[in-house]
Amino acid sequence: MRIGQVKANIRVLGLAMAPLGGGFAAVGAVYRGRVGLEGVICAWSPGGDVTDGFLGALAGSRHRGQVRVILVDEASLPEGCTVDPLRLAAGSGKPVLALGAGGTLDAVTAFAWGDRRVVCAGLGETDAARLLDAVSAGGHPEALRVAGLVAGALGAGLHKV
């Protein structure tokens, strides 16, 4: 897939996970570029793989049509939690960029962005790098930062307050 023009207000979904109730909460923060939060999508999965549970929540969300790209921070996944970027892209019909903590690059699917490794599913390297630059502040995508904050609060039990 190609993105002709990466607008400053492109809507991306940052996906973060946290351990919750014997499973994992998957929190998607729908963010308008790096400007502001548009909404939150949340799903709970009893097992380690949150992909299918989150796809169900996204399919039922009013934000589904607004989201252009899904971002996942693989470096911050809780122990025992997995998400499959390829299945996420295929099931949602949206490109997925999975950011990792550097490491070996597979020239076919991954590239370096700053000190991170980015695996692309459904988007080319040039468009992916332009998008990450447009939605990031201080070298980190805002949607992932906010999703991480919400997931962290859920995992810490702050949803019970």
C-alpha atoms as a PDB file:
ATOM      1  CA  MET A   1       0.000   0.000   0.000  1.00  0.00           C
ATOM      2  CA  ARG A   2       1.142   3.548  -0.654  1.00  0.00           C
ATOM      3  CA  ILE A   3       0.283   6.724   1.172  1.00  0.00           C
ATOM      4  CA  GLY A   4       0.452   9.521  -1.367  1.00  0.00           C
ATOM      5  CA  GLN A   5       0.767  12.362   1.081  1.00  0.00           C
ATOM      6  CA  VAL A   6       1.380  11.970   4.787  1.00  0.00           C
ATOM      7  CA  LYS A   7      -0.699  14.728   6.319  1.00  0.00           C
ATOM      8  CA  ALA A   8       0.088  16.137   9.749  1.00  0.00           C
ATOM      9  CA  ASN A   9      -3.376  15.047  10.949  1.00  0.00           C
ATOM     10  CA  ILE A  10      -3.281  11.450   9.694  1.00  0.00           C
ATOM     11  CA  ARG A  11      -5.036   9.151  12.142  1.00  0.00           C
ATOM     12  CA  VAL A  12      -2.904   6.349  13.484  1.00  0.00           C
ATOM     13  CA  LEU A  13      -3.627   3.758  16.124  1.00  0.00           C
ATOM     14  CA  GLY A  14      -0.926   3.037  18.684  1.00  0.00           C
ATOM     15  CA  LEU A  15      -1.310  -0.407  20.253  1.00  0.00           C
ATOM     16  CA  ALA A  16       0.070  -1.252  23.705  1.00  0.00           C
ATOM     17  CA  MET A  17      -0.541  -4.193  26.013  1.00  0.00           C
ATOM     18  CA  ALA A  18      -0.588  -4.763  29.774  1.00  0.00           C
ATOM     19  CA  PRO A  19      -1.151  -7.821  31.972  1.00  0.00           C
ATOM     20  CA  LEU A  20      -4.680  -7.778  33.383  1.00  0.00           C
ATOM     21  CA  GLY A  21      -6.818 -10.396  35.137  1.00  0.00           C
ATOM     22  CA  GLY A  22      -4.838 -13.457  34.093  1.00  0.00           C
ATOM     23  CA  GLY A  23      -4.669 -12.304  30.472  1.00  0.00           C
ATOM     24  CA  PHE A  24      -3.695  -9.173  28.625  1.00  0.00           C
ATOM     25  CA  ALA A  25      -5.424  -5.881  27.912  1.00  0.00           C
ATOM     26  CA  ALA A  26      -4.761  -4.509  24.442  1.00  0.00           C
ATOM     27  CA  VAL A  27      -5.199  -0.732  24.322  1.00  0.00           C
ATOM     28  CA  GLY A  28      -5.399   1.146  21.052  1.00  0.00           C
ATOM     29  CA  ALA A  29      -5.022   4.927  21.159  1.00  0.00           C
ATOM     30  CA  VAL A  30      -6.427   6.593  18.048  1.00  0.00           C
ATOM     31  CA  TYR A  31      -4.317   9.685  17.579  1.00  0.00           C
ATOM     32  CA  ARG A  32      -4.586  12.504  15.044  1.00  0.00           C
ATOM     33  CA  GLY A  33      -0.982  12.892  13.883  1.00  0.00           C
ATOM     34  CA  ARG A  34       0.847  14.146  16.929  1.00  0.00           C
ATOM     35  CA  VAL A  35      -1.887  16.661  17.714  1.00  0.00           C
ATOM     36  CA  GLY A  36      -4.409  14.924  19.924  1.00  0.00           C
ATOM     37  CA  LEU A  37      -6.206  11.837  21.126  1.00  0.00           C
ATOM     38  CA  GLU A  38      -9.368  10.964  19.190  1.00  0.00           C
ATOM     39  CA  GLY A  39     -10.422   7.821  21.036  1.00  0.00           C
ATOM     40  CA  VAL A  40      -9.445   4.588  22.758  1.00  0.00           C
ATOM     41  CA  ILE A  41     -10.199   0.993  21.783  1.00  0.00           C
ATOM     42  CA  CYS A  42      -9.693  -1.719  24.390  1.00  0.00           C
ATOM     43  CA  ALA A  43      -9.834  -5.513  24.282  1.00  0.00           C
ATOM     44  CA  TRP A  44      -8.971  -8.278  26.711  1.00  0.00           C
ATOM     45  CA  SER A  45      -7.450 -11.594  25.684  1.00  0.00           C
ATOM     46  CA  PRO A  46      -7.162 -14.594  28.011  1.00  0.00           C
ATOM     47  CA  GLY A  47      -4.068 -16.002  26.289  1.00  0.00           C
ATOM     48  CA  GLY A  48      -0.738 -14.594  25.233  1.00  0.00           C
ATOM     49  CA  ASP A  49      -1.703 -13.631  21.668  1.00  0.00           C
ATOM     50  CA  VAL A  50      -3.856 -10.488  21.612  1.00  0.00           C
ATOM     51  CA  THR A  51      -4.136 -10.217  17.820  1.00  0.00           C
ATOM     52  CA  ASP A  52      -7.599 -11.736  17.291  1.00  0.00           C
ATOM     53  CA  GLY A  53      -9.119 -10.106  20.367  1.00  0.00           C
ATOM     54  CA  PHE A  54      -7.986  -6.682  19.269  1.00  0.00           C
ATOM     55  CA  LEU A  55      -9.134  -7.240  15.685  1.00  0.00           C
ATOM     56  CA  GLY A  56     -12.638  -7.927  17.038  1.00  0.00           C
ATOM     57  CA  ALA A  57     -12.603  -4.731  19.096  1.00  0.00           C
ATOM     58  CA  LEU A  58     -11.330  -2.686  16.144  1.00  0.00           C
ATOM     59  CA  ALA A  59     -13.989  -4.130  13.819  1.00  0.00           C
ATOM     60  CA  GLY A  60     -16.721  -3.001  16.229  1.00  0.00           C
ATOM     61  CA  SER A  61     -15.251   0.453  16.801  1.00  0.00           C
ATOM     62  CA  ARG A  62     -16.509   3.685  15.283  1.00  0.00           C
ATOM     63  CA  HIS A  63     -12.846   4.634  14.754  1.00  0.00           C
ATOM     64  CA  ARG A  64     -12.120   1.775  12.344  1.00  0.00           C
ATOM     65  CA  GLY A  65     -12.757   3.835   9.227  1.00  0.00           C
ATOM     66  CA  GLN A  66     -10.673   6.759  10.482  1.00  0.00           C
ATOM     67  CA  VAL A  67      -7.495   4.821  11.257  1.00  0.00           C
ATOM     68  CA  ARG A  68      -5.019   4.721   8.370  1.00  0.00           C
ATOM     69  CA  VAL A  69      -2.083   2.887   9.996  1.00  0.00           C
ATOM     70  CA  ILE A  70      -1.577   0.745  13.122  1.00  0.00           C
ATOM     71  CA  LEU A  71       1.616   1.086  15.181  1.00  0.00           C
ATOM     72  CA  VAL A  72       2.836  -1.575  17.626  1.00  0.00           C
ATOM     73  CA  ASP A  73       5.777  -1.209  20.023  1.00  0.00           C
ATOM     74  CA  GLU A  74       7.125  -4.756  20.199  1.00  0.00           C
ATOM     75  CA  ALA A  75       9.933  -3.650  22.526  1.00  0.00           C
ATOM     76  CA  SER A  76       7.454  -2.896  25.320  1.00  0.00           C
ATOM     77  CA  LEU A  77       5.293  -6.041  25.126  1.00  0.00           C
ATOM     78  CA  PRO A  78       4.771  -7.645  28.552  1.00  0.00           C
ATOM     79  CA  GLU A  79       6.356 -11.039  29.090  1.00  0.00           C
ATOM     80  CA  GLY A  80       4.218 -13.782  27.568  1.00  0.00           C
ATOM     81  CA  CYS A  81       2.255 -11.384  25.348  1.00  0.00           C
ATOM     82  CA  THR A  82       2.449 -11.509  21.563  1.00  0.00           C
ATOM     83  CA  VAL A  83       0.872  -9.711  18.646  1.00  0.00           C
ATOM     84  CA  ASP A  84       1.270 -10.773  15.019  1.00  0.00           C
ATOM     85  CA  PRO A  85       1.779  -7.701  12.781  1.00  0.00           C
ATOM     86  CA  LEU A  86       1.070  -9.664   9.588  1.00  0.00           C
ATOM     87  CA  ARG A  87      -2.229 -11.082  10.910  1.00  0.00           C
ATOM     88  CA  LEU A  88      -3.115  -7.664  12.310  1.00  0.00           C
ATOM     89  CA  ALA A  89      -2.577  -6.079   8.876  1.00  0.00           C
ATOM     90  CA  ALA A  90      -4.476  -8.812   7.032  1.00  0.00           C
ATOM     91  CA  GLY A  91      -7.390  -8.820   9.484  1.00  0.00           C
ATOM     92  CA  SER A  92      -7.769  -5.046   9.711  1.00  0.00           C
ATOM     93  CA  GLY A  93      -7.009  -4.110   6.117  1.00  0.00           C
ATOM     94  CA  LYS A  94      -4.640  -1.455   7.518  1.00  0.00           C
ATOM     95  CA  PRO A  95      -0.855  -1.250   7.223  1.00  0.00           C
ATOM     96  CA  VAL A  96       0.975  -2.171  10.438  1.00  0.00           C
ATOM     97  CA  LEU A  97       4.350  -0.878  11.588  1.00  0.00           C
ATOM     98  CA  ALA A  98       5.939  -2.872  14.407  1.00  0.00           C
ATOM     99  CA  LEU A  99       8.702  -0.978  16.184  1.00  0.00           C
ATOM    100  CA  GLY A 100      11.370  -3.033  17.914  1.00  0.00           C
ATOM    101  CA  ALA A 101      14.524  -2.343  19.877  1.00  0.00           C
ATOM    102  CA  GLY A 102      17.071  -2.437  17.082  1.00  0.00           C
ATOM    103  CA  GLY A 103      18.724  -5.731  16.285  1.00  0.00           C
ATOM    104  CA  THR A 104      19.139  -7.612  13.035  1.00  0.00           C
ATOM    105  CA  LEU A 105      17.387  -6.184  10.007  1.00  0.00           C
ATOM    106  CA  ASP A 106      15.699  -8.270   7.336  1.00  0.00           C
ATOM    107  CA  ALA A 107      16.090  -6.073   4.258  1.00  0.00           C
ATOM    108  CA  VAL A 108      12.798  -7.323   2.827  1.00  0.00           C
ATOM    109  CA  THR A 109      10.486  -6.306   5.674  1.00  0.00           C
ATOM    110  CA  ALA A 110      12.477  -4.172   8.127  1.00  0.00           C
ATOM    111  CA  PHE A 111      14.413  -0.917   8.206  1.00  0.00           C
ATOM    112  CA  ALA A 112      16.133   1.240  10.789  1.00  0.00           C
ATOM    113  CA  TRP A 113      14.358   4.358  12.041  1.00  0.00           C
ATOM    114  CA  GLY A 114      16.520   6.196  14.542  1.00  0.00           C
ATOM    115  CA  ASP A 115      17.635   3.562  17.048  1.00  0.00           C
ATOM    116  CA  ARG A 116      14.589   1.379  16.350  1.00  0.00           C
ATOM    117  CA  ARG A 117      13.926  -1.519  13.996  1.00  0.00           C
ATOM    118  CA  VAL A 118      10.671  -1.185  12.073  1.00  0.00           C
ATOM    119  CA  VAL A 119       8.917  -4.153  10.489  1.00  0.00           C
ATOM    120  CA  CYS A 120       6.405  -3.104   7.829  1.00  0.00           C
ATOM    121  CA  ALA A 121       3.300  -5.047   6.896  1.00  0.00           C
ATOM    122  CA  GLY A 122       1.452  -3.421   4.025  1.00  0.00           C
ATOM    123  CA  LEU A 123       3.500  -0.227   3.674  1.00  0.00           C
ATOM    124  CA  GLY A 124       6.797   0.563   1.963  1.00  0.00           C
ATOM    125  CA  GLU A 125       9.869   1.826   3.806  1.00  0.00           C
ATOM    126  CA  THR A 126       9.753   5.369   2.391  1.00  0.00           C
ATOM    127  CA  ASP A 127       6.103   5.910   3.290  1.00  0.00           C
ATOM    128  CA  ALA A 128       6.595   4.255   6.686  1.00  0.00           C
ATOM    129  CA  ALA A 129       9.536   6.512   7.569  1.00  0.00           C
ATOM    130  CA  ARG A 130       7.630   9.639   6.448  1.00  0.00           C
ATOM    131  CA  LEU A 131       4.629   8.591   8.510  1.00  0.00           C
ATOM    132  CA  LEU A 132       6.704   7.897  11.631  1.00  0.00           C
ATOM    133  CA  ASP A 133       8.397  11.290  11.301  1.00  0.00           C
ATOM    134  CA  ALA A 134       5.010  13.018  10.953  1.00  0.00           C
ATOM    135  CA  VAL A 135       3.377  11.380  13.995  1.00  0.00           C
ATOM    136  CA  SER A 136       6.349  11.442  16.362  1.00  0.00           C
ATOM    137  CA  ALA A 137       7.586  13.883  18.960  1.00  0.00           C
ATOM    138  CA  GLY A 138      11.043  13.382  20.390  1.00  0.00           C
ATOM    139  CA  GLY A 139      11.630  10.276  18.283  1.00  0.00           C
ATOM    140  CA  HIS A 140       8.599   8.359  19.574  1.00  0.00           C
ATOM    141  CA  PRO A 141       5.115   8.157  18.003  1.00  0.00           C
ATOM    142  CA  GLU A 142       2.587   9.982  20.193  1.00  0.00           C
ATOM    143  CA  ALA A 143      -0.085   7.313  19.653  1.00  0.00           C
ATOM    144  CA  LEU A 144       2.237   4.668  21.113  1.00  0.00           C
ATOM    145  CA  ARG A 145       3.178   6.908  24.031  1.00  0.00           C
ATOM    146  CA  VAL A 146      -0.464   7.497  24.980  1.00  0.00           C
ATOM    147  CA  ALA A 147      -1.465   3.850  24.438  1.00  0.00           C
ATOM    148  CA  GLY A 148       1.405   2.863  26.724  1.00  0.00           C
ATOM    149  CA  LEU A 149       0.238   5.276  29.426  1.00  0.00           C
ATOM    150  CA  VAL A 150      -3.334   3.937  29.335  1.00  0.00           C
ATOM    151  CA  ALA A 151      -2.221   0.290  29.224  1.00  0.00           C
ATOM    152  CA  GLY A 152       0.182   0.928  32.095  1.00  0.00           C
ATOM    153  CA  ALA A 153      -2.603   2.437  34.195  1.00  0.00           C
ATOM    154  CA  LEU A 154      -4.844  -0.577  33.496  1.00  0.00           C
ATOM    155  CA  GLY A 155      -2.062  -2.994  34.359  1.00  0.00           C
ATOM    156  CA  ALA A 156      -1.336  -1.121  37.607  1.00  0.00           C
ATOM    157  CA  GLY A 157      -4.966  -1.459  38.695  1.00  0.00           C
ATOM    158  CA  LEU A 158      -5.787   2.229  38.367  1.00  0.00           C
ATOM    159  CA  HIS A 159      -9.017   1.345  36.510  1.00  0.00           C
ATOM    160  CA  LYS A 160     -10.474   0.294  39.878  1.00  0.00           C
ATOM    161  CA  VAL A 161     -10.072   3.715  41.497  1.00  0.00           C
END
